[in-house]
Protein backbone atom coordinates (compact mmCIF):
# COMPACT_ATOMS: atom_id res chain seq x y z
CA MET A 1 11.75 28.57 119.02
CA SER A 2 15.33 29.71 118.89
CA THR A 3 16.14 33.26 117.87
CA VAL A 4 19.16 34.42 115.93
CA GLN A 5 20.14 38.07 116.46
CA ASP A 6 22.34 40.14 114.14
CA THR A 7 25.60 41.12 115.85
CA SER A 8 27.38 42.45 112.78
CA ASN A 9 27.41 46.02 114.10
CA ALA A 10 28.79 45.15 117.54
CA ALA A 11 32.25 46.33 116.60
CA SER A 12 30.88 49.68 115.45
CA VAL A 13 29.01 50.02 118.75
CA PHE A 14 31.96 49.31 121.02
CA GLY A 15 34.79 50.47 118.75
CA SER A 16 38.36 50.15 119.89
CA GLY A 17 37.70 51.67 123.34
CA ALA A 18 39.69 54.85 122.64
CA ALA A 19 37.98 58.16 123.32
CA ARG A 20 37.50 60.44 120.32
CA PRO A 21 39.20 63.84 120.37
CA GLY A 22 37.03 66.49 122.00
CA LYS A 23 34.82 63.94 123.73
CA SER A 24 34.79 63.43 127.50
CA ALA A 25 34.71 59.96 129.05
CA ALA A 26 31.07 60.43 130.01
CA GLY A 27 30.26 61.65 126.50
CA GLU A 28 31.87 58.56 124.94
CA THR A 29 29.95 56.33 127.35
CA GLY A 30 26.69 58.06 126.40
CA ASP A 31 27.30 57.65 122.66
CA ARG A 32 28.12 53.97 123.05
CA PHE A 33 25.11 53.36 125.25
CA LEU A 34 22.73 54.96 122.75
CA ALA A 35 24.30 53.06 119.84
CA LEU A 36 23.99 49.79 121.72
CA LEU A 37 20.39 50.55 122.70
CA VAL A 38 19.45 51.26 119.07
CA ALA A 39 21.15 48.03 117.95
CA GLN A 40 19.28 46.04 120.61
CA MET A 41 15.94 47.57 119.61
CA LYS A 42 16.56 46.83 115.93
CA ASN A 43 17.43 43.22 116.63
CA GLN A 44 15.10 42.41 119.50
CA ASP A 45 12.86 39.36 119.44
CA PRO A 46 9.31 40.56 118.66
CA LEU A 47 7.97 37.81 120.92
CA ASN A 48 10.28 38.82 123.76
CA PRO A 49 10.84 42.59 123.51
CA LEU A 50 13.18 44.59 125.72
CA ASP A 51 12.01 45.28 129.26
CA ASN A 52 10.95 48.94 129.37
CA ALA A 53 11.71 49.20 133.07
CA GLN A 54 15.25 47.95 132.57
CA VAL A 55 15.88 50.35 129.68
CA THR A 56 14.51 53.26 131.71
CA SER A 57 16.75 52.31 134.65
CA GLN A 58 19.83 52.18 132.42
CA MET A 59 19.03 55.56 130.89
CA ALA A 60 18.54 57.04 134.35
CA GLN A 61 21.98 55.77 135.43
CA LEU A 62 23.58 57.25 132.30
CA SER A 63 21.86 60.57 132.99
CA THR A 64 23.24 60.52 136.53
CA VAL A 65 26.81 59.95 135.29
CA GLN A 66 26.52 62.80 132.78
CA GLY A 67 24.96 65.04 135.40
CA ILE A 68 27.84 64.41 137.81
CA GLU A 69 30.38 65.26 135.12
CA ASN A 70 28.53 68.48 134.25
CA MET A 71 28.38 69.40 137.93
CA ASN A 72 32.13 68.76 138.32
CA GLN A 73 32.85 70.99 135.33
CA SER A 74 30.66 73.74 136.79
CA LEU A 75 32.31 73.49 140.20
CA GLN A 76 35.78 73.65 138.62
CA ALA A 77 34.79 76.75 136.65
CA LEU A 78 33.44 78.32 139.84
CA ALA A 79 36.66 77.47 141.73
CA ASP A 80 38.76 79.01 138.95
CA SER A 81 36.64 82.16 139.03
CA LEU A 82 36.89 82.43 142.82
CA GLY A 83 40.67 81.95 142.64
CA ALA A 84 40.97 84.79 140.11
CA ASN A 85 38.80 87.07 142.26
CA GLN A 86 40.88 86.27 145.34
CA MET A 87 44.07 87.16 143.48
CA VAL A 88 42.63 90.57 142.64
CA GLN A 89 41.50 91.12 146.23
CA ALA A 90 44.81 89.92 147.67
CA ALA A 91 46.74 92.30 145.41
CA GLY A 92 45.16 95.12 147.40
CA LEU A 93 47.10 93.92 150.47
CA ILE A 94 50.52 94.60 148.93
CA GLY A 95 52.32 97.06 151.19
CA ARG A 96 49.91 96.41 154.07
CA GLY A 97 50.50 94.60 157.34
CA VAL A 98 48.51 91.42 157.97
CA LEU A 99 48.08 89.37 161.12
CA VAL A 100 48.58 85.70 160.24
CA PRO A 101 49.56 82.50 162.11
CA GLY A 102 53.21 82.67 163.15
CA ASP A 103 55.39 83.20 166.23
CA SER A 104 58.21 85.49 165.05
CA LEU A 105 58.78 89.15 165.97
CA ARG A 106 61.48 91.79 165.93
CA PRO A 107 61.87 94.64 168.45
CA ALA A 108 61.27 98.28 167.47
CA GLU A 109 59.88 97.33 164.02
CA LEU A 110 56.58 96.41 162.44
CA GLN A 111 57.05 92.85 163.69
CA ASP A 112 57.16 93.87 167.37
CA VAL A 113 53.43 93.19 167.48
CA ILE A 114 52.32 90.08 169.35
CA GLY A 115 49.00 88.56 168.41
CA PHE A 116 47.07 85.52 169.56
CA ASP A 117 43.71 83.93 168.91
CA LEU A 118 42.01 82.30 171.93
CA SER A 119 39.54 79.49 171.31
CA ARG A 120 37.67 80.45 174.51
CA PRO A 121 37.98 83.01 177.34
CA ALA A 122 41.04 82.77 179.60
CA ASP A 123 41.50 84.14 183.11
CA GLY A 124 45.22 84.48 182.47
CA VAL A 125 47.40 84.90 179.36
CA LYS A 126 51.20 85.03 179.42
CA VAL A 127 53.62 85.28 176.53
CA ASP A 128 57.20 84.02 176.72
CA ILE A 129 59.72 85.64 174.37
CA PHE A 130 62.86 83.77 173.27
CA ASN A 131 65.96 84.97 171.43
CA ALA A 132 67.54 83.24 168.42
CA SER A 133 69.42 80.87 170.76
CA GLY A 134 66.19 79.76 172.42
CA ALA A 135 66.88 81.54 175.73
CA LEU A 136 63.93 83.11 177.54
CA VAL A 137 64.40 86.91 177.61
CA ARG A 138 61.01 88.19 178.74
CA THR A 139 57.61 87.06 179.98
CA LEU A 140 54.65 89.37 179.39
CA ASP A 141 51.51 89.04 181.52
CA PHE A 142 48.36 90.18 179.70
CA GLY A 143 45.90 89.04 182.38
CA PRO A 144 42.38 87.79 181.54
CA ARG A 145 41.25 87.91 177.93
CA ASP A 146 38.08 87.07 176.05
CA ALA A 147 37.91 84.54 173.25
CA GLY A 148 39.02 85.77 169.84
CA VAL A 149 41.91 87.72 168.33
CA HIS A 150 44.07 90.01 170.47
CA VAL A 151 46.88 92.31 169.36
CA MET A 152 49.53 93.43 171.86
CA ALA A 153 52.91 95.16 171.59
CA TRP A 154 56.38 94.37 172.89
CA ASP A 155 58.69 97.25 173.75
CA GLY A 156 61.84 95.32 172.88
CA LEU A 157 63.08 95.19 176.48
CA ASP A 158 64.25 92.14 178.40
CA ALA A 159 63.17 91.17 181.92
CA GLY A 160 65.67 93.65 183.41
CA GLY A 161 64.43 96.58 181.35
CA ASN A 162 67.40 96.51 178.95
CA ALA A 163 66.92 97.09 175.24
CA LEU A 164 67.55 93.94 173.26
CA PRO A 165 69.47 93.99 169.98
CA ASP A 166 67.62 93.76 166.71
CA GLY A 167 67.23 90.22 165.50
CA GLU A 168 64.83 87.33 165.15
CA TYR A 169 62.79 86.47 168.25
CA ARG A 170 60.09 83.92 168.91
CA PHE A 171 57.17 83.93 171.31
CA ARG A 172 54.92 81.34 172.91
CA VAL A 173 51.40 81.97 174.20
CA ASN A 174 50.31 80.34 177.47
CA ALA A 175 46.61 80.73 178.26
CA ALA A 176 44.56 79.07 180.99
CA GLN A 177 41.06 79.12 182.44
CA GLY A 178 40.46 77.65 185.89
CA GLY A 179 43.80 75.91 185.83
CA GLN A 180 43.08 74.28 182.47
CA GLY A 181 44.97 75.22 179.33
CA VAL A 182 43.16 77.20 176.65
CA PRO A 183 44.15 76.50 173.02
CA ALA A 184 45.73 79.61 171.53
CA THR A 185 47.11 80.35 168.07
CA ALA A 186 50.15 82.65 167.91
CA LEU A 187 49.74 85.42 165.33
CA HIS A 188 52.53 87.27 163.55
CA LEU A 189 52.27 90.69 161.90
CA GLY A 190 53.94 90.61 158.51
CA LEU A 191 54.29 93.02 155.62
CA VAL A 192 52.88 91.81 152.28
CA ASN A 193 55.40 92.17 149.44
CA SER A 194 53.51 90.29 146.72
CA VAL A 195 50.86 87.67 146.09
CA SER A 196 50.96 84.37 144.20
CA GLN A 197 48.80 81.31 143.58
CA ASP A 198 49.66 77.62 143.81
CA SER A 199 47.96 74.32 144.60
CA ARG A 200 47.16 75.62 148.09
CA GLY A 201 45.34 78.66 146.73
CA VAL A 202 46.24 82.36 146.93
CA GLN A 203 49.40 82.97 148.97
CA LEU A 204 50.72 86.19 150.51
CA ASN A 205 54.49 86.57 150.21
CA LEU A 206 55.70 88.43 153.31
CA ALA A 207 58.82 90.44 154.00
CA GLY A 208 61.64 88.17 155.17
CA ASN A 209 60.63 85.33 152.82
CA GLY A 210 57.64 84.36 154.93
CA GLN A 211 54.39 83.17 153.35
CA ALA A 212 50.80 82.87 154.52
CA GLY A 213 47.53 81.77 152.96
CA TYR A 214 45.06 84.48 152.00
CA ALA A 215 42.37 82.67 153.99
CA ASP A 216 44.60 82.75 157.12
CA VAL A 217 44.51 86.54 157.49
CA ARG A 218 43.03 87.47 160.88
CA GLN A 219 43.43 91.25 160.69
CA ILE A 220 44.68 93.89 158.23
CA PHE A 221 46.67 96.98 159.23
């Protein structure tokens, strides 16, 4: 026996495909699914009813989609809240010195501090200092050092003991253990002038137009 099912409300079930104002994509999908399910149940063949297992599976999939959207919304709200809290915390660093990744320094000023972060212990650490022209002006030998962050100072003198003029200098960290190089991150001491937030998160705006991420701070002075 053939069965004729009423499809007159199909257009109302599927609509034009455009999301209604105030409704999320998952919400629209849920409404359409429920409308379609009701239409199917109203027009099902009594001798061949809908498969309960299939309906249950479809409802479970819909619930999963809605659950993922709700979770994404909750995570976004949490991220926004954490970003706001970080901005408040970072504001407390204005006027303070922070040790962040970088290789610049200036003699006889706040930036005469040399920092480095060793990934593992080293039996020898040397730091080469270069002037703005790239010429080597001094090599400092700091001997063996443990893994972790270290803060040293440069007196602003060259290899001959002469005071160098104020200006921009760079340094390079050379660390080794048993003749093998040890990865080291150069750390620069900068003064925080202000804080801001962008797609990368909370940023510290340093004196001299430098910038560092709030999460990159190794030490606060």
